[in-house]
Protein backbone atom coordinates (compact mmCIF):
# COMPACT_ATOMS: atom_id res chain seq x y z
CA MET A 1 104.77 99.00 28.03
CA GLY A 2 107.37 96.27 28.50
CA PHE A 3 107.06 92.57 27.84
CA LYS A 4 106.12 91.84 31.49
CA GLU A 5 103.19 94.23 31.28
CA TYR A 6 102.15 92.71 27.96
CA LEU A 7 102.30 89.23 29.50
CA LYS A 8 100.32 90.33 32.58
CA ARG A 9 97.52 91.79 30.44
CA LYS A 10 97.34 88.62 28.35
CA ILE A 11 97.09 86.44 31.47
CA ILE A 12 94.23 88.57 32.88
CA VAL A 13 92.36 88.46 29.57
CA TYR A 14 92.71 84.69 29.30
CA LEU A 15 91.68 84.13 32.93
CA LEU A 16 88.49 86.17 32.41
CA THR A 17 87.83 84.31 29.15
CA PHE A 18 88.34 80.99 30.96
CA ILE A 19 85.83 81.89 33.71
CA PHE A 20 83.22 83.02 31.18
CA ALA A 21 83.72 79.99 28.90
CA VAL A 22 83.57 77.48 31.78
CA THR A 23 80.44 79.14 33.18
CA LEU A 24 78.76 78.96 29.79
CA ASN A 25 79.95 75.38 29.43
CA TRP A 26 78.29 74.52 32.76
CA LEU A 27 75.04 76.32 31.94
CA LEU A 28 74.30 75.21 28.37
CA PRO A 29 73.70 71.49 29.05
CA ARG A 30 71.22 72.44 31.78
CA LEU A 31 69.29 74.66 29.38
CA MET A 32 68.78 71.76 27.00
CA PRO A 33 65.25 70.29 26.99
CA GLY A 34 64.78 66.95 28.73
CA ASP A 35 66.16 65.27 31.83
CA PRO A 36 69.13 62.85 31.71
CA ILE A 37 67.92 61.02 34.84
CA GLN A 38 64.51 60.45 33.28
CA ILE A 39 66.15 59.15 30.11
CA MET A 40 68.22 56.70 32.16
CA ILE A 41 65.23 55.49 34.19
CA ASN A 42 63.02 55.14 31.11
CA SER A 43 65.58 52.76 29.64
CA ALA A 44 64.91 50.37 32.53
CA LEU A 45 61.86 48.20 31.77
CA GLY A 46 59.39 46.68 34.24
CA LEU A 47 59.58 49.38 36.90
CA SER A 48 56.47 50.48 38.74
CA PRO A 49 55.66 54.22 39.09
CA GLN A 50 56.72 54.08 42.75
CA GLU A 51 60.05 52.46 41.86
CA ARG A 52 60.65 55.04 39.16
CA GLU A 53 59.97 57.84 41.64
CA ILE A 54 62.36 56.33 44.20
CA LEU A 55 65.09 55.92 41.57
CA LEU A 56 64.52 59.47 40.32
CA ARG A 57 64.98 60.94 43.79
CA PHE A 58 68.02 58.71 44.45
CA TYR A 59 69.88 59.69 41.27
CA GLU A 60 68.99 63.37 41.58
CA GLU A 61 70.50 63.38 45.06
CA LEU A 62 73.48 61.27 43.94
CA TYR A 63 74.37 63.70 41.13
CA GLY A 64 73.35 66.82 43.04
CA LEU A 65 70.62 67.71 40.54
CA ASN A 66 68.03 68.23 43.30
CA LYS A 67 69.86 71.35 44.46
CA PRO A 68 69.10 74.89 43.19
CA LEU A 69 71.11 75.96 40.15
CA TYR A 70 73.27 78.39 42.13
CA ALA A 71 74.21 75.61 44.60
CA GLN A 72 75.05 73.28 41.68
CA PHE A 73 77.20 76.04 40.19
CA VAL A 74 79.15 76.57 43.41
CA SER A 75 79.61 72.81 43.84
CA PHE A 76 80.86 72.60 40.25
CA TRP A 77 83.63 75.17 40.83
CA VAL A 78 84.62 73.62 44.16
CA ALA A 79 84.89 70.18 42.54
CA LEU A 80 86.75 71.65 39.56
CA PHE A 81 89.49 73.11 41.75
CA LYS A 82 89.82 69.68 43.36
CA GLY A 83 90.29 68.10 39.92
CA ASP A 84 86.92 66.32 40.08
CA LEU A 85 85.07 66.46 36.75
CA GLY A 86 82.08 64.50 38.01
CA TYR A 87 80.59 61.10 37.30
CA SER A 88 79.15 60.20 33.91
CA ILE A 89 75.43 59.43 33.95
CA LEU A 90 75.67 57.50 30.68
CA TYR A 91 78.78 55.40 31.33
CA ARG A 92 78.52 55.21 35.16
CA ALA A 93 82.22 56.03 35.44
CA PRO A 94 84.37 59.06 36.42
CA VAL A 95 84.50 61.61 33.61
CA SER A 96 88.25 62.12 34.06
CA ARG A 97 88.87 58.41 33.53
CA LEU A 98 86.69 58.30 30.40
CA LEU A 99 88.48 61.28 28.86
CA LYS A 100 91.88 59.94 29.89
CA ASN A 101 91.16 56.64 28.14
CA ALA A 102 89.77 58.24 24.95
CA LEU A 103 92.22 61.14 24.48
CA PRO A 104 95.34 59.10 23.53
CA TYR A 105 93.51 57.64 20.51
CA ASP A 106 92.69 61.13 19.19
CA ILE A 107 96.23 62.38 19.78
CA ALA A 108 97.62 59.29 18.03
CA ILE A 109 95.85 60.11 14.76
CA LEU A 110 95.33 63.88 14.92
CA PHE A 111 98.74 65.10 16.09
CA PRO A 112 100.78 63.47 13.29
CA ALA A 113 98.03 64.24 10.74
CA ILE A 114 97.97 67.95 11.65
CA VAL A 115 101.74 68.45 11.94
CA LEU A 116 102.74 66.46 8.84
CA SER A 117 99.99 67.96 6.68
CA TRP A 118 101.05 71.44 7.90
CA VAL A 119 104.69 70.87 6.94
CA ILE A 120 103.97 69.28 3.56
CA GLY A 121 101.03 71.56 2.76
CA ASN A 122 103.05 74.72 3.43
CA TRP A 123 105.92 73.43 1.31
CA LEU A 124 103.61 72.59 -1.61
CA GLY A 125 101.74 75.89 -1.23
CA ALA A 126 104.98 77.88 -1.26
CA LEU A 127 106.05 76.10 -4.45
CA ALA A 128 102.70 76.90 -6.06
CA GLY A 129 102.96 80.55 -5.03
CA LYS A 130 106.39 80.93 -6.67
CA ASN A 131 105.94 78.76 -9.76
CA LYS A 132 103.01 79.66 -12.03
CA ARG A 133 103.25 76.48 -14.10
CA TYR A 134 103.23 74.32 -10.98
CA ASP A 135 100.40 76.45 -9.62
CA THR A 136 98.26 75.82 -12.72
CA TYR A 137 98.42 72.05 -12.36
CA MET A 138 98.44 71.67 -8.57
CA MET A 139 95.84 74.18 -7.38
CA PRO A 140 92.84 72.25 -8.74
CA LEU A 141 94.07 69.25 -6.73
CA PHE A 142 94.50 71.38 -3.60
CA TYR A 143 90.98 72.80 -3.95
CA PHE A 144 89.58 69.33 -4.48
CA LEU A 145 91.31 68.01 -1.35
CA ALA A 146 90.30 71.02 0.76
CA SER A 147 86.63 70.74 -0.26
CA MET A 148 86.48 66.98 0.28
CA PRO A 149 84.68 66.06 3.55
CA TYR A 150 86.73 63.95 5.95
CA PHE A 151 84.01 61.35 6.32
CA TRP A 152 83.58 60.98 2.55
CA PHE A 153 87.24 60.24 1.99
CA ALA A 154 87.18 57.98 5.05
CA MET A 155 84.31 55.98 3.56
CA LEU A 156 86.21 55.67 0.26
CA LEU A 157 89.18 54.25 2.14
CA VAL A 158 86.96 51.84 4.05
CA TYR A 159 85.27 50.59 0.89
CA PHE A 160 88.26 50.28 -1.44
CA VAL A 161 91.14 49.54 0.94
CA GLY A 162 89.29 47.78 3.74
CA VAL A 163 86.29 45.99 2.20
CA LYS A 164 87.27 45.39 -1.42
CA ALA A 165 91.03 44.91 -1.15
CA GLY A 166 91.05 43.69 2.45
CA ILE A 167 94.48 45.21 2.96
CA LEU A 168 93.84 46.97 6.27
CA PRO A 169 91.32 46.64 9.13
CA TYR A 170 88.77 49.44 9.28
CA GLN A 171 86.92 49.04 12.60
CA GLY A 172 88.19 50.06 16.02
CA ALA A 173 91.64 51.01 17.26
CA TYR A 174 92.82 47.41 17.63
CA SER A 175 91.49 43.88 17.27
CA PRO A 176 88.87 42.92 19.88
CA ASN A 177 90.79 39.82 20.91
CA LEU A 178 93.80 41.90 22.03
CA VAL A 179 94.44 43.77 25.27
CA PRO A 180 96.34 47.10 25.05
CA SER A 181 100.00 46.55 25.93
CA LEU A 182 103.51 47.36 24.74
CA SER A 183 103.90 43.98 23.07
CA LEU A 184 105.04 43.90 19.45
CA ARG A 185 101.86 42.09 18.41
CA PHE A 186 99.61 44.81 19.84
CA ILE A 187 101.72 47.67 18.41
CA VAL A 188 101.66 46.17 14.90
CA ASP A 189 97.90 45.58 15.14
CA PHE A 190 97.33 49.13 16.45
CA LEU A 191 99.33 50.64 13.57
CA LYS A 192 97.33 48.65 11.01
CA HIS A 193 94.09 50.09 12.47
CA TRP A 194 95.70 53.55 12.67
CA ILE A 195 96.73 53.98 9.02
CA MET A 196 93.33 54.63 7.41
CA PRO A 197 91.98 57.10 10.05
CA PHE A 198 95.30 58.95 9.80
CA LEU A 199 95.21 59.10 6.00
CA SER A 200 91.58 60.28 5.96
CA LEU A 201 92.63 63.37 7.93
CA PHE A 202 96.15 63.90 6.62
CA VAL A 203 95.30 63.92 2.89
CA VAL A 204 92.36 66.34 3.24
CA MET A 205 94.28 68.73 5.51
CA ILE A 206 97.14 69.10 3.02
CA GLY A 207 94.85 70.93 0.59
CA SER A 208 93.78 73.58 3.14
CA TRP A 209 97.32 74.31 4.31
CA ALA A 210 98.63 74.47 0.72
CA ILE A 211 95.93 76.93 -0.38
CA GLY A 212 96.57 79.18 2.61
CA MET A 213 100.32 79.27 2.09
CA ARG A 214 100.04 79.75 -1.67
CA ASN A 215 97.76 82.78 -1.24
CA MET A 216 99.98 84.30 1.45
CA ILE A 217 103.17 83.81 -0.59
CA ILE A 218 101.60 85.53 -3.62
CA TYR A 219 100.47 88.42 -1.40
CA GLU A 220 103.88 88.80 0.25
CA LEU A 221 105.79 88.62 -3.05
CA GLU A 222 103.75 91.61 -4.25
CA ALA A 223 104.39 93.62 -1.07
CA ASP A 224 106.39 96.87 -1.09
CA TYR A 225 109.34 95.50 0.90
CA VAL A 226 109.87 92.74 -1.71
CA ARG A 227 109.70 95.32 -4.51
CA TYR A 228 112.25 97.38 -2.60
CA LEU A 229 114.57 94.40 -2.26
CA GLU A 230 114.15 93.71 -5.96
CA ALA A 231 115.09 97.30 -6.79
CA LEU A 232 118.22 96.92 -4.67
CA GLY A 233 119.20 93.91 -6.75
CA ALA A 234 118.53 91.25 -4.08
CA SER A 235 118.48 87.64 -5.22
CA GLU A 236 115.21 85.79 -5.74
CA LYS A 237 116.21 83.41 -2.94
CA LEU A 238 116.54 86.29 -0.47
CA MET A 239 113.21 87.83 -1.48
CA THR A 240 111.45 84.49 -1.19
CA LYS A 241 113.03 83.89 2.22
CA HIS A 242 111.63 87.17 3.60
CA ALA A 243 108.25 86.56 1.98
CA TYR A 244 108.08 83.06 3.46
CA LYS A 245 108.84 84.34 6.98
CA ASN A 246 105.86 86.69 6.85
CA ALA A 247 103.59 84.23 5.04
CA ILE A 248 104.16 81.49 7.61
CA LEU A 249 102.86 83.57 10.55
CA PRO A 250 99.12 83.04 9.86
CA GLN A 251 99.87 79.37 9.23
CA ILE A 252 101.48 79.12 12.68
CA THR A 253 98.28 80.54 14.15
CA GLY A 254 96.24 77.97 12.27
CA LEU A 255 98.53 75.16 13.42
CA ALA A 256 98.26 76.16 17.08
CA LEU A 257 94.47 76.38 16.90
CA GLN A 258 94.25 72.99 15.18
CA LEU A 259 96.44 71.45 17.86
CA GLY A 260 94.30 73.11 20.53
CA LEU A 261 91.14 71.63 19.05
CA MET A 262 92.80 68.24 18.73
CA VAL A 263 91.39 67.16 22.10
CA ALA A 264 87.86 67.48 20.68
CA GLY A 265 88.59 64.55 18.39
CA ALA A 266 87.40 64.07 14.82
CA ILE A 267 83.79 62.94 15.19
CA ALA A 268 83.07 62.04 11.55
CA THR A 269 86.28 60.03 11.20
CA GLU A 270 85.73 58.29 14.52
CA ILE A 271 82.19 57.31 13.53
CA VAL A 272 83.27 55.88 10.16
CA PHE A 273 86.10 53.83 11.67
CA ASN A 274 84.38 53.18 15.02
CA TYR A 275 87.44 54.73 16.62
CA PRO A 276 87.19 55.15 20.45
CA GLY A 277 88.07 58.86 20.63
CA VAL A 278 86.76 61.88 22.52
CA GLY A 279 84.57 63.03 19.60
CA VAL A 280 82.28 60.00 19.69
CA LEU A 281 82.28 60.14 23.49
CA LEU A 282 80.97 63.73 23.46
CA MET A 283 78.44 62.98 20.73
CA ARG A 284 76.93 60.18 22.80
CA ALA A 285 77.00 62.39 25.88
CA ALA A 286 75.06 65.10 24.01
CA MET A 287 72.49 62.61 22.75
CA SER A 288 71.90 61.28 26.28
CA GLN A 289 72.24 64.73 27.93
CA ASP A 290 75.05 63.54 30.16
CA TYR A 291 75.78 66.88 31.88
CA PHE A 292 78.98 65.86 33.58
CA LEU A 293 80.62 64.20 30.59
CA LEU A 294 79.72 67.18 28.39
CA GLN A 295 81.11 69.57 30.98
CA GLY A 296 84.35 67.62 31.33
CA GLY A 297 84.84 67.24 27.58
CA PHE A 298 84.15 70.87 26.74
CA LEU A 299 86.24 72.04 29.68
CA MET A 300 89.19 70.13 28.25
CA ILE A 301 88.57 71.75 24.85
CA VAL A 302 88.28 75.25 26.35
CA ILE A 303 91.54 74.88 28.27
CA SER A 304 93.45 73.50 25.29
CA VAL A 305 92.20 76.25 22.94
CA LEU A 306 93.01 79.00 25.45
CA VAL A 307 96.48 77.55 26.05
CA ALA A 308 97.04 77.33 22.28
CA ASN A 309 96.02 80.98 21.83
CA PHE A 310 98.19 82.08 24.74
CA VAL A 311 101.18 80.26 23.26
CA ILE A 312 100.47 81.95 19.90
CA ASP A 313 100.54 85.38 21.54
CA ILE A 314 103.86 84.65 23.24
CA VAL A 315 105.42 83.14 20.10
CA TYR A 316 104.27 86.11 17.99
CA ALA A 317 105.78 88.49 20.53
CA LEU A 318 109.10 86.69 20.16
CA ILE A 319 109.25 86.17 16.38
CA ASP A 320 107.30 89.12 14.92
CA PRO A 321 109.04 92.52 15.19
CA ARG A 322 105.70 94.29 14.66
CA VAL A 323 104.25 92.74 17.82
CA ARG A 324 107.42 93.50 19.79
CA ALA A 325 107.23 97.11 18.64
CA SER A 326 103.69 97.38 20.04
CA TYR A 327 104.83 96.79 23.63
CA THR A 328 108.53 97.76 23.67
CA GLU A 329 109.18 101.10 25.29
CA GLY A 330 110.54 103.78 23.05
């Protein structure tokens, strides 16, 4: 089997996975107890039973919820191929626009937090795996950071840095009196609001990456090929280099998956800092049973995770000789 055949099989597998995941994503909100239209109408006070009934029929027809499930399912796929993610019941706005407005805030804090913590965490973990004295002092700190909940550290930052010291703002993505723009004033204000949400994720993530790399380095340094290199008189630098190349592979997988899940936001952090990201958007959609917003949000997550996994498979095929050997003829 050549690389083209390997690639074709992967594409088929991911397409089937996409169809199944999107179908499940469409079905689950509709299996939840309750009715989003009823919830919306009940929030309106002073309506007579007749007015409620008229509104119920109007909104069910507007959102297509008066159709049989199979007709709703077909309409969903037709709209999906047209790029239409529906209209949010909760926010009374197109789902695509809501997600488009919220996603940049998540990317702004999560992308640098994930990538920088991955780089620094792997470097610290590799040092711990090679140096026993360093390992003795640093591993308790890594375990403490890895076990620390994001929201707990976020609340510590809010209390000590925001409330007590008053150094940085701790609510929202920017001051309410500003309008998003490329002006220097807005950028400076945005960065001030960005620092604490970023730190709450970055610091905690370092511990997890460091522990993973430290354990993998120790495992690889005890492997037979390293012992063989040692018997041949290879330098410690060369042995560590080969061990690091193999140890980094699972970390690359973890990085890709984290980046794929980035579009889901960081709900706990967003709640603490009142940050307008996708996580809080989906939480509110779930609480109000907003079918279309839930569908659109989870669809975005499904696509990003599948793309991340597909990229991992291709990257592994290019950088790992063991994977290449599994599909190369001869």
